[in-house]
Amino acid sequence: MKVVTGLVRLSYEHLVKPAADMDGVEKYSAALLIDKNDEKCVAQIENAIDTMLRDPEVLAKWGGKSAGVDRPVRDGDKERPDDAVYAGHYFINAKAGIDRKPKLYDRDRVEIVDPDEIYSGCYGQALLQLYPYNHKGHKGLAWGINAFRKIKDGQPLTGGTVSASDFDDDLIDADDADLI
């Protein structure tokens, strides 16, 4: 089932370059932060989940029952209470296999070629695929990410900013200065 989100914020972004998961498998992925006040986006995602949970083909994968399956929406206030970025947000984790790199677009729907345009902290829309799984005794729904459309910049969520003025000449020993 295809779902297009409202405005979300990227966290743990690996859409430009894949990263290894806990099993060492390289995947494209990102956490998508959804403002709890975005009623339209939250309702759209919940409706997609509810629709999948009633689908006979999906239920067949789980032995005819949806009770106890993992729901793919998490509450940032409960699961990350010490992380201010996640406060007031739901979040979903979306992934794509190494052979399915997500398309990346700018606000005008032009494909992004500069990898620095996509980063943890920017805002946009995601084109997601909701799918059921039944793997090693775990049953649930998960999100695949097909594309991301960057709408606007945001404060980067990694490492802060760096500039030449961050360096301090007073910390260099006079003897070491001759080596520079």
N, C-alpha and C. Protein backbone atom coordinates (compact mmCIF):
# COMPACT_ATOMS: atom_id res chain seq x y z
N MET A 1 0.83 -1.17 0.00
CA MET A 1 0.00 0.00 0.00
C MET A 1 0.89 1.24 0.00
N LYS A 2 0.65 2.13 -0.95
CA LYS A 2 1.44 3.35 -1.09
C LYS A 2 0.85 4.46 -0.22
N VAL A 3 1.72 5.19 0.48
CA VAL A 3 1.32 6.30 1.33
C VAL A 3 2.28 7.46 1.10
N VAL A 4 1.72 8.66 0.89
CA VAL A 4 2.52 9.87 0.80
C VAL A 4 2.27 10.65 2.08
N THR A 5 3.33 10.98 2.78
CA THR A 5 3.19 11.68 4.06
C THR A 5 2.95 13.17 3.86
N GLY A 6 2.58 13.81 4.95
CA GLY A 6 2.63 15.27 5.02
C GLY A 6 4.07 15.64 5.31
N LEU A 7 4.28 16.80 5.89
CA LEU A 7 5.63 17.25 6.19
C LEU A 7 6.22 16.44 7.34
N VAL A 8 7.37 15.83 7.09
CA VAL A 8 8.09 15.05 8.09
C VAL A 8 9.52 15.57 8.17
N ARG A 9 10.20 15.22 9.24
CA ARG A 9 11.60 15.60 9.41
C ARG A 9 12.45 14.35 9.43
N LEU A 10 13.56 14.38 8.72
CA LEU A 10 14.47 13.23 8.68
C LEU A 10 15.34 13.16 9.92
N SER A 11 15.51 11.96 10.43
CA SER A 11 16.46 11.67 11.51
C SER A 11 17.14 10.36 11.14
N TYR A 12 18.36 10.20 11.57
CA TYR A 12 19.15 9.01 11.22
C TYR A 12 19.06 8.73 9.72
N GLU A 13 19.31 9.76 8.95
CA GLU A 13 19.17 9.70 7.50
C GLU A 13 20.28 8.87 6.85
N HIS A 14 19.86 7.90 6.08
CA HIS A 14 20.75 7.09 5.24
C HIS A 14 20.05 6.85 3.90
N LEU A 15 19.59 7.93 3.28
CA LEU A 15 18.90 7.83 2.00
C LEU A 15 19.84 8.06 0.82
N VAL A 16 20.92 8.78 1.07
CA VAL A 16 21.90 9.06 0.02
C VAL A 16 22.90 7.91 -0.07
N LYS A 17 23.35 7.46 1.07
CA LYS A 17 24.32 6.39 1.14
C LYS A 17 23.80 5.36 2.15
N PRO A 18 23.76 4.08 1.77
CA PRO A 18 23.23 3.08 2.70
C PRO A 18 24.16 2.86 3.89
N ALA A 19 23.59 2.29 4.94
CA ALA A 19 24.36 1.95 6.14
C ALA A 19 23.99 0.54 6.54
N ALA A 20 24.90 -0.12 7.24
CA ALA A 20 24.66 -1.50 7.68
C ALA A 20 23.70 -1.51 8.86
N ASP A 21 22.75 -2.45 8.83
CA ASP A 21 21.84 -2.61 9.95
C ASP A 21 22.49 -3.51 11.00
N MET A 22 21.74 -3.91 12.02
CA MET A 22 22.30 -4.71 13.12
C MET A 22 22.80 -6.07 12.65
N ASP A 23 22.28 -6.54 11.52
CA ASP A 23 22.73 -7.82 10.97
C ASP A 23 23.87 -7.65 9.97
N GLY A 24 24.35 -6.42 9.79
CA GLY A 24 25.43 -6.15 8.85
C GLY A 24 24.97 -6.00 7.41
N VAL A 25 23.66 -5.94 7.18
CA VAL A 25 23.10 -5.81 5.84
C VAL A 25 22.97 -4.32 5.50
N GLU A 26 23.54 -3.92 4.37
CA GLU A 26 23.45 -2.53 3.95
C GLU A 26 22.06 -2.22 3.43
N LYS A 27 21.49 -1.11 3.94
CA LYS A 27 20.16 -0.66 3.54
C LYS A 27 20.11 0.85 3.53
N TYR A 28 19.19 1.38 2.77
CA TYR A 28 18.85 2.80 2.84
C TYR A 28 17.79 2.91 3.93
N SER A 29 17.85 3.97 4.72
CA SER A 29 16.88 4.09 5.80
C SER A 29 16.83 5.50 6.35
N ALA A 30 15.77 5.77 7.09
CA ALA A 30 15.62 7.03 7.81
C ALA A 30 14.50 6.86 8.82
N ALA A 31 14.61 7.60 9.90
CA ALA A 31 13.47 7.76 10.81
C ALA A 31 12.76 9.03 10.34
N LEU A 32 11.44 8.96 10.27
CA LEU A 32 10.64 10.10 9.85
C LEU A 32 9.86 10.61 11.05
N LEU A 33 10.11 11.85 11.43
CA LEU A 33 9.44 12.45 12.57
C LEU A 33 8.18 13.16 12.10
N ILE A 34 7.06 12.80 12.72
CA ILE A 34 5.75 13.35 12.35
C ILE A 34 5.22 14.13 13.54
N ASP A 35 4.99 15.41 13.35
CA ASP A 35 4.46 16.25 14.42
C ASP A 35 3.11 15.71 14.85
N LYS A 36 2.92 15.51 16.15
CA LYS A 36 1.65 14.98 16.66
C LYS A 36 0.48 15.90 16.36
N ASN A 37 0.74 17.19 16.12
CA ASN A 37 -0.32 18.14 15.79
C ASN A 37 -0.72 18.09 14.32
N ASP A 38 0.01 17.35 13.49
CA ASP A 38 -0.33 17.21 12.08
C ASP A 38 -1.40 16.13 11.95
N GLU A 39 -2.63 16.51 12.27
CA GLU A 39 -3.73 15.56 12.32
C GLU A 39 -3.97 14.85 10.99
N LYS A 40 -3.81 15.56 9.91
CA LYS A 40 -4.04 14.98 8.59
C LYS A 40 -3.04 13.86 8.29
N CYS A 41 -1.75 14.12 8.53
CA CYS A 41 -0.72 13.12 8.27
C CYS A 41 -0.87 11.92 9.21
N VAL A 42 -1.12 12.20 10.49
CA VAL A 42 -1.28 11.12 11.46
C VAL A 42 -2.48 10.25 11.08
N ALA A 43 -3.60 10.87 10.72
CA ALA A 43 -4.79 10.11 10.33
C ALA A 43 -4.54 9.28 9.08
N GLN A 44 -3.83 9.84 8.12
CA GLN A 44 -3.54 9.12 6.88
C GLN A 44 -2.71 7.85 7.17
N ILE A 45 -1.72 7.99 8.01
CA ILE A 45 -0.87 6.85 8.35
C ILE A 45 -1.66 5.81 9.14
N GLU A 46 -2.43 6.25 10.12
CA GLU A 46 -3.23 5.32 10.91
C GLU A 46 -4.28 4.62 10.05
N ASN A 47 -4.89 5.34 9.10
CA ASN A 47 -5.87 4.72 8.19
C ASN A 47 -5.22 3.64 7.33
N ALA A 48 -4.00 3.92 6.85
CA ALA A 48 -3.30 2.92 6.04
C ALA A 48 -3.02 1.67 6.87
N ILE A 49 -2.60 1.86 8.10
CA ILE A 49 -2.32 0.71 8.98
C ILE A 49 -3.60 -0.08 9.24
N ASP A 50 -4.68 0.63 9.59
CA ASP A 50 -5.95 -0.05 9.87
C ASP A 50 -6.46 -0.81 8.65
N THR A 51 -6.30 -0.23 7.46
CA THR A 51 -6.72 -0.91 6.23
C THR A 51 -5.92 -2.20 6.04
N MET A 52 -4.62 -2.13 6.25
CA MET A 52 -3.79 -3.33 6.09
C MET A 52 -4.17 -4.41 7.11
N LEU A 53 -4.50 -3.98 8.32
CA LEU A 53 -4.83 -4.94 9.37
C LEU A 53 -6.15 -5.67 9.11
N ARG A 54 -6.96 -5.14 8.20
CA ARG A 54 -8.22 -5.79 7.83
C ARG A 54 -8.13 -6.55 6.50
N ASP A 55 -7.04 -6.42 5.79
CA ASP A 55 -6.89 -7.04 4.47
C ASP A 55 -6.77 -8.56 4.60
N PRO A 56 -7.65 -9.32 3.93
CA PRO A 56 -7.61 -10.79 4.04
C PRO A 56 -6.27 -11.41 3.63
N GLU A 57 -5.62 -10.86 2.61
CA GLU A 57 -4.33 -11.41 2.18
C GLU A 57 -3.26 -11.17 3.24
N VAL A 58 -3.31 -10.01 3.87
CA VAL A 58 -2.35 -9.69 4.93
C VAL A 58 -2.61 -10.60 6.13
N LEU A 59 -3.88 -10.73 6.51
CA LEU A 59 -4.24 -11.60 7.64
C LEU A 59 -3.78 -13.04 7.40
N ALA A 60 -3.85 -13.49 6.16
CA ALA A 60 -3.42 -14.86 5.83
C ALA A 60 -1.94 -15.06 6.16
N LYS A 61 -1.12 -14.03 6.00
CA LYS A 61 0.31 -14.13 6.33
C LYS A 61 0.53 -14.35 7.82
N TRP A 62 -0.47 -13.94 8.62
CA TRP A 62 -0.35 -14.02 10.07
C TRP A 62 -1.28 -15.08 10.66
N GLY A 63 -1.67 -16.06 9.84
CA GLY A 63 -2.53 -17.12 10.33
C GLY A 63 -3.95 -16.66 10.61
N GLY A 64 -4.39 -15.61 9.92
CA GLY A 64 -5.76 -15.13 10.05
C GLY A 64 -6.01 -14.16 11.19
N LYS A 65 -4.97 -13.80 11.94
CA LYS A 65 -5.17 -12.92 13.10
C LYS A 65 -4.22 -11.71 13.04
N SER A 66 -4.75 -10.55 13.44
CA SER A 66 -3.91 -9.36 13.50
C SER A 66 -3.56 -9.00 14.95
N ALA A 67 -4.11 -9.73 15.89
CA ALA A 67 -3.82 -9.44 17.30
C ALA A 67 -2.34 -9.69 17.58
N GLY A 68 -1.72 -8.73 18.27
CA GLY A 68 -0.33 -8.89 18.67
C GLY A 68 0.71 -8.55 17.62
N VAL A 69 0.30 -8.08 16.44
CA VAL A 69 1.30 -7.73 15.43
C VAL A 69 1.89 -6.36 15.75
N ASP A 70 3.13 -6.16 15.35
CA ASP A 70 3.82 -4.89 15.57
C ASP A 70 3.24 -3.81 14.65
N ARG A 71 2.91 -2.67 15.25
CA ARG A 71 2.43 -1.50 14.49
C ARG A 71 3.65 -0.62 14.21
N PRO A 72 3.76 -0.09 13.00
CA PRO A 72 4.97 0.63 12.60
C PRO A 72 4.98 2.13 12.90
N VAL A 73 4.31 2.55 13.97
CA VAL A 73 4.34 3.94 14.40
C VAL A 73 4.73 3.96 15.86
N ARG A 74 5.69 4.80 16.20
CA ARG A 74 6.18 4.85 17.58
C ARG A 74 6.01 6.26 18.14
N ASP A 75 5.90 6.35 19.44
CA ASP A 75 5.68 7.62 20.11
C ASP A 75 7.01 8.14 20.66
N GLY A 76 7.47 9.25 20.12
CA GLY A 76 8.75 9.81 20.54
C GLY A 76 8.78 10.23 21.99
N ASP A 77 7.65 10.70 22.53
CA ASP A 77 7.60 11.11 23.93
C ASP A 77 7.80 9.92 24.87
N LYS A 78 7.33 8.76 24.47
CA LYS A 78 7.44 7.57 25.32
C LYS A 78 8.73 6.80 25.09
N GLU A 79 9.13 6.66 23.82
CA GLU A 79 10.28 5.83 23.51
C GLU A 79 11.62 6.56 23.54
N ARG A 80 11.58 7.88 23.46
CA ARG A 80 12.81 8.68 23.51
C ARG A 80 12.58 9.91 24.38
N PRO A 81 12.23 9.69 25.64
CA PRO A 81 11.86 10.82 26.51
C PRO A 81 12.99 11.82 26.76
N ASP A 82 14.23 11.41 26.59
CA ASP A 82 15.36 12.30 26.83
C ASP A 82 15.86 13.00 25.57
N ASP A 83 15.19 12.80 24.44
CA ASP A 83 15.61 13.38 23.17
C ASP A 83 14.62 14.47 22.77
N ALA A 84 15.02 15.73 22.91
CA ALA A 84 14.15 16.86 22.62
C ALA A 84 13.66 16.88 21.17
N VAL A 85 14.44 16.34 20.25
CA VAL A 85 14.04 16.32 18.84
C VAL A 85 12.79 15.46 18.64
N TYR A 86 12.67 14.40 19.42
CA TYR A 86 11.55 13.48 19.27
C TYR A 86 10.33 13.90 20.09
N ALA A 87 10.47 14.88 20.97
CA ALA A 87 9.35 15.35 21.80
C ALA A 87 8.24 15.90 20.92
N GLY A 88 7.01 15.51 21.21
CA GLY A 88 5.87 15.99 20.45
C GLY A 88 5.74 15.38 19.07
N HIS A 89 6.43 14.26 18.84
CA HIS A 89 6.42 13.61 17.53
C HIS A 89 6.13 12.12 17.64
N TYR A 90 5.50 11.61 16.61
CA TYR A 90 5.52 10.18 16.35
C TYR A 90 6.69 9.96 15.41
N PHE A 91 7.18 8.73 15.33
CA PHE A 91 8.20 8.46 14.34
C PHE A 91 8.01 7.08 13.75
N ILE A 92 8.42 6.98 12.50
CA ILE A 92 8.39 5.70 11.80
C ILE A 92 9.78 5.48 11.21
N ASN A 93 10.17 4.23 11.16
CA ASN A 93 11.43 3.86 10.53
C ASN A 93 11.11 3.27 9.17
N ALA A 94 11.72 3.82 8.15
CA ALA A 94 11.48 3.37 6.78
C ALA A 94 12.79 2.91 6.17
N LYS A 95 12.72 1.81 5.42
CA LYS A 95 13.94 1.23 4.85
C LYS A 95 13.74 0.84 3.39
N ALA A 96 14.85 0.69 2.70
CA ALA A 96 14.86 0.17 1.33
C ALA A 96 16.12 -0.66 1.16
N GLY A 97 15.99 -1.73 0.44
CA GLY A 97 17.13 -2.60 0.18
C GLY A 97 18.18 -1.91 -0.66
N ILE A 98 19.37 -2.45 -0.64
CA ILE A 98 20.50 -1.87 -1.36
C ILE A 98 20.22 -1.74 -2.86
N ASP A 99 19.35 -2.59 -3.38
CA ASP A 99 19.01 -2.57 -4.80
C ASP A 99 17.82 -1.66 -5.11
N ARG A 100 17.32 -0.93 -4.09
CA ARG A 100 16.13 -0.07 -4.28
C ARG A 100 16.37 1.32 -3.72
N LYS A 101 17.43 1.97 -4.17
CA LYS A 101 17.76 3.30 -3.66
C LYS A 101 16.56 4.24 -3.85
N PRO A 102 16.16 4.91 -2.77
CA PRO A 102 15.04 5.84 -2.89
C PRO A 102 15.37 7.01 -3.82
N LYS A 103 14.38 7.44 -4.58
CA LYS A 103 14.52 8.63 -5.41
C LYS A 103 14.49 9.83 -4.49
N LEU A 104 15.29 10.84 -4.80
CA LEU A 104 15.37 12.05 -3.99
C LEU A 104 15.05 13.25 -4.87
N TYR A 105 14.06 14.05 -4.43
CA TYR A 105 13.60 15.18 -5.22
C TYR A 105 13.65 16.46 -4.39
N ASP A 106 13.74 17.60 -5.09
CA ASP A 106 13.64 18.88 -4.41
C ASP A 106 12.18 19.32 -4.39
N ARG A 107 11.95 20.49 -3.84
CA ARG A 107 10.58 21.02 -3.71
C ARG A 107 9.84 21.07 -5.05
N ASP A 108 10.60 21.36 -6.13
CA ASP A 108 10.01 21.48 -7.46
C ASP A 108 9.92 20.14 -8.19
N ARG A 109 10.17 19.06 -7.48
CA ARG A 109 10.10 17.69 -8.02
C ARG A 109 11.19 17.39 -9.05
N VAL A 110 12.33 18.06 -8.88
CA VAL A 110 13.50 17.81 -9.73
C VAL A 110 14.42 16.90 -8.93
N GLU A 111 14.94 15.87 -9.59
CA GLU A 111 15.80 14.93 -8.88
C GLU A 111 17.04 15.63 -8.31
N ILE A 112 17.33 15.35 -7.07
CA ILE A 112 18.47 15.94 -6.38
C ILE A 112 19.74 15.18 -6.76
N VAL A 113 20.78 15.93 -7.14
CA VAL A 113 22.06 15.31 -7.48
C VAL A 113 23.13 15.59 -6.43
N ASP A 114 22.97 16.68 -5.67
CA ASP A 114 23.94 17.04 -4.62
C ASP A 114 23.59 16.27 -3.35
N PRO A 115 24.42 15.32 -2.94
CA PRO A 115 24.10 14.51 -1.77
C PRO A 115 24.00 15.31 -0.47
N ASP A 116 24.60 16.49 -0.42
CA ASP A 116 24.54 17.31 0.79
C ASP A 116 23.17 17.96 1.00
N GLU A 117 22.29 17.89 0.01
CA GLU A 117 20.96 18.47 0.13
C GLU A 117 20.06 17.67 1.08
N ILE A 118 20.34 16.39 1.23
CA ILE A 118 19.53 15.52 2.08
C ILE A 118 20.34 15.21 3.34
N TYR A 119 19.76 15.49 4.50
CA TYR A 119 20.49 15.29 5.76
C TYR A 119 19.50 15.15 6.90
N SER A 120 19.96 14.60 8.00
CA SER A 120 19.14 14.52 9.20
C SER A 120 18.84 15.93 9.68
N GLY A 121 17.56 16.25 9.73
CA GLY A 121 17.14 17.57 10.15
C GLY A 121 16.34 18.30 9.09
N CYS A 122 16.49 17.93 7.81
CA CYS A 122 15.71 18.60 6.77
C CYS A 122 14.27 18.06 6.78
N TYR A 123 13.39 18.81 6.13
CA TYR A 123 11.96 18.48 6.11
C TYR A 123 11.52 18.15 4.70
N GLY A 124 10.53 17.27 4.61
CA GLY A 124 9.99 16.94 3.30
C GLY A 124 8.83 15.97 3.39
N GLN A 125 8.50 15.41 2.25
CA GLN A 125 7.46 14.40 2.14
C GLN A 125 8.13 13.08 1.76
N ALA A 126 7.56 12.01 2.27
CA ALA A 126 8.09 10.69 1.92
C ALA A 126 7.03 9.89 1.19
N LEU A 127 7.45 9.17 0.18
CA LEU A 127 6.60 8.21 -0.52
C LEU A 127 6.96 6.85 0.05
N LEU A 128 6.02 6.27 0.77
CA LEU A 128 6.26 5.04 1.52
C LEU A 128 5.45 3.88 0.97
N GLN A 129 5.90 2.69 1.28
CA GLN A 129 5.18 1.47 0.96
C GLN A 129 4.99 0.72 2.27
N LEU A 130 3.75 0.52 2.66
CA LEU A 130 3.43 -0.24 3.87
C LEU A 130 3.28 -1.71 3.48
N TYR A 131 3.96 -2.58 4.21
CA TYR A 131 3.91 -4.00 3.86
C TYR A 131 3.90 -4.86 5.12
N PRO A 132 3.30 -6.05 5.02
CA PRO A 132 3.28 -6.97 6.16
C PRO A 132 4.53 -7.86 6.16
N TYR A 133 4.90 -8.33 7.34
CA TYR A 133 5.98 -9.31 7.43
C TYR A 133 5.63 -10.37 8.47
N ASN A 134 6.25 -11.50 8.31
CA ASN A 134 6.17 -12.61 9.25
C ASN A 134 7.52 -13.28 9.16
N HIS A 135 8.43 -12.88 10.05
CA HIS A 135 9.82 -13.31 9.95
C HIS A 135 10.33 -13.77 11.31
N LYS A 136 10.74 -15.00 11.37
CA LYS A 136 11.32 -15.58 12.59
C LYS A 136 10.43 -15.36 13.81
N GLY A 137 9.15 -15.57 13.63
CA GLY A 137 8.22 -15.45 14.74
C GLY A 137 7.73 -14.04 15.03
N HIS A 138 8.26 -13.07 14.31
CA HIS A 138 7.82 -11.68 14.48
C HIS A 138 6.86 -11.32 13.35
N LYS A 139 5.70 -10.80 13.74
CA LYS A 139 4.68 -10.42 12.77
C LYS A 139 4.36 -8.95 12.92
N GLY A 140 4.16 -8.30 11.79
CA GLY A 140 3.81 -6.90 11.87
C GLY A 140 3.76 -6.22 10.52
N LEU A 141 3.72 -4.91 10.59
CA LEU A 141 3.75 -4.06 9.41
C LEU A 141 5.02 -3.23 9.45
N ALA A 142 5.55 -2.92 8.29
CA ALA A 142 6.77 -2.11 8.21
C ALA A 142 6.65 -1.15 7.03
N TRP A 143 7.52 -0.15 7.05
CA TRP A 143 7.52 0.87 6.00
C TRP A 143 8.76 0.72 5.12
N GLY A 144 8.52 0.67 3.82
CA GLY A 144 9.58 0.80 2.84
C GLY A 144 9.56 2.23 2.34
N ILE A 145 10.71 2.79 2.02
CA ILE A 145 10.74 4.15 1.49
C ILE A 145 11.14 4.11 0.02
N ASN A 146 10.27 4.68 -0.82
CA ASN A 146 10.51 4.70 -2.26
C ASN A 146 11.12 6.01 -2.71
N ALA A 147 10.74 7.11 -2.04
CA ALA A 147 11.24 8.43 -2.47
C ALA A 147 11.08 9.43 -1.33
N PHE A 148 11.87 10.50 -1.41
CA PHE A 148 11.78 11.61 -0.47
C PHE A 148 11.86 12.90 -1.26
N ARG A 149 10.94 13.81 -0.97
CA ARG A 149 10.90 15.13 -1.61
C ARG A 149 11.23 16.17 -0.55
N LYS A 150 12.40 16.76 -0.66
CA LYS A 150 12.82 17.78 0.30
C LYS A 150 12.01 19.06 0.07
N ILE A 151 11.39 19.55 1.16
CA ILE A 151 10.58 20.76 1.09
C ILE A 151 11.34 21.96 1.63
N LYS A 152 12.07 21.76 2.74
CA LYS A 152 12.80 22.89 3.32
C LYS A 152 13.94 22.39 4.18
N ASP A 153 14.88 23.31 4.41
CA ASP A 153 16.00 23.01 5.29
C ASP A 153 15.55 23.08 6.74
N GLY A 154 16.32 22.46 7.59
CA GLY A 154 16.10 22.50 9.03
C GLY A 154 17.44 22.44 9.73
N GLN A 155 17.42 22.63 11.03
CA GLN A 155 18.64 22.55 11.82
C GLN A 155 19.19 21.12 11.71
N PRO A 156 20.43 20.94 11.26
CA PRO A 156 20.99 19.59 11.18
C PRO A 156 20.98 18.91 12.54
N LEU A 157 20.70 17.63 12.54
CA LEU A 157 20.64 16.86 13.78
C LEU A 157 21.93 16.13 14.10
N THR A 158 22.96 16.38 13.33
CA THR A 158 24.24 15.69 13.55
C THR A 158 25.35 16.69 13.80
N GLY A 159 26.08 16.49 14.85
CA GLY A 159 27.34 17.16 15.09
C GLY A 159 27.42 18.66 15.10
N GLY A 160 26.42 19.39 14.75
CA GLY A 160 26.50 20.84 14.77
C GLY A 160 27.29 21.38 13.59
N THR A 161 27.61 22.65 13.65
CA THR A 161 28.33 23.30 12.56
C THR A 161 29.80 23.45 12.91
N VAL A 162 30.61 23.58 11.89
CA VAL A 162 32.05 23.75 12.06
C VAL A 162 32.48 24.91 11.18
N SER A 163 33.39 25.74 11.72
CA SER A 163 33.96 26.82 10.91
C SER A 163 35.43 26.97 11.28
N ALA A 164 36.16 27.75 10.48
CA ALA A 164 37.58 27.97 10.71
C ALA A 164 37.82 28.66 12.05
N SER A 165 36.86 29.46 12.52
CA SER A 165 37.04 30.17 13.79
C SER A 165 36.96 29.24 15.00
N ASP A 166 36.60 27.99 14.81
CA ASP A 166 36.56 27.03 15.91
C ASP A 166 37.97 26.67 16.40
N PHE A 167 38.97 26.89 15.57
CA PHE A 167 40.34 26.57 15.94
C PHE A 167 40.93 27.69 16.80
N ASP A 168 41.84 27.34 17.70
CA ASP A 168 42.42 28.30 18.63
C ASP A 168 43.94 28.22 18.54
N ASP A 169 44.57 29.26 18.00
CA ASP A 169 46.03 29.29 17.86
C ASP A 169 46.75 29.25 19.20
N ASP A 170 46.09 29.72 20.26
CA ASP A 170 46.71 29.74 21.59
C ASP A 170 46.95 28.33 22.14
N LEU A 171 46.32 27.34 21.55
CA LEU A 171 46.47 25.97 22.03
C LEU A 171 47.63 25.24 21.35
N ILE A 172 48.30 25.92 20.44
CA ILE A 172 49.43 25.31 19.74
C ILE A 172 50.71 25.74 20.43
N ASP A 173 51.50 24.77 20.79
CA ASP A 173 52.80 25.02 21.43
C ASP A 173 53.71 25.72 20.43
N ALA A 174 54.50 26.66 20.87
CA ALA A 174 55.39 27.43 19.99
C ALA A 174 56.33 26.51 19.22
N ASP A 175 56.78 25.41 19.84
CA ASP A 175 57.69 24.49 19.18
C ASP A 175 56.96 23.75 18.05
N ASP A 176 55.69 23.45 18.26
CA ASP A 176 54.92 22.76 17.23
C ASP A 176 54.53 23.70 16.08
N ALA A 177 54.47 24.98 16.36
CA ALA A 177 54.07 25.96 15.33
C ALA A 177 55.06 25.96 14.17
N ASP A 178 56.32 25.66 14.42
CA ASP A 178 57.32 25.61 13.37
C ASP A 178 57.05 24.48 12.38
N LEU A 179 56.32 23.48 12.77
CA LEU A 179 56.03 22.35 11.91
C LEU A 179 54.93 22.66 10.92
N ILE A 180 54.17 23.71 11.17
CA ILE A 180 53.02 24.03 10.31
C ILE A 180 53.44 24.83 9.12
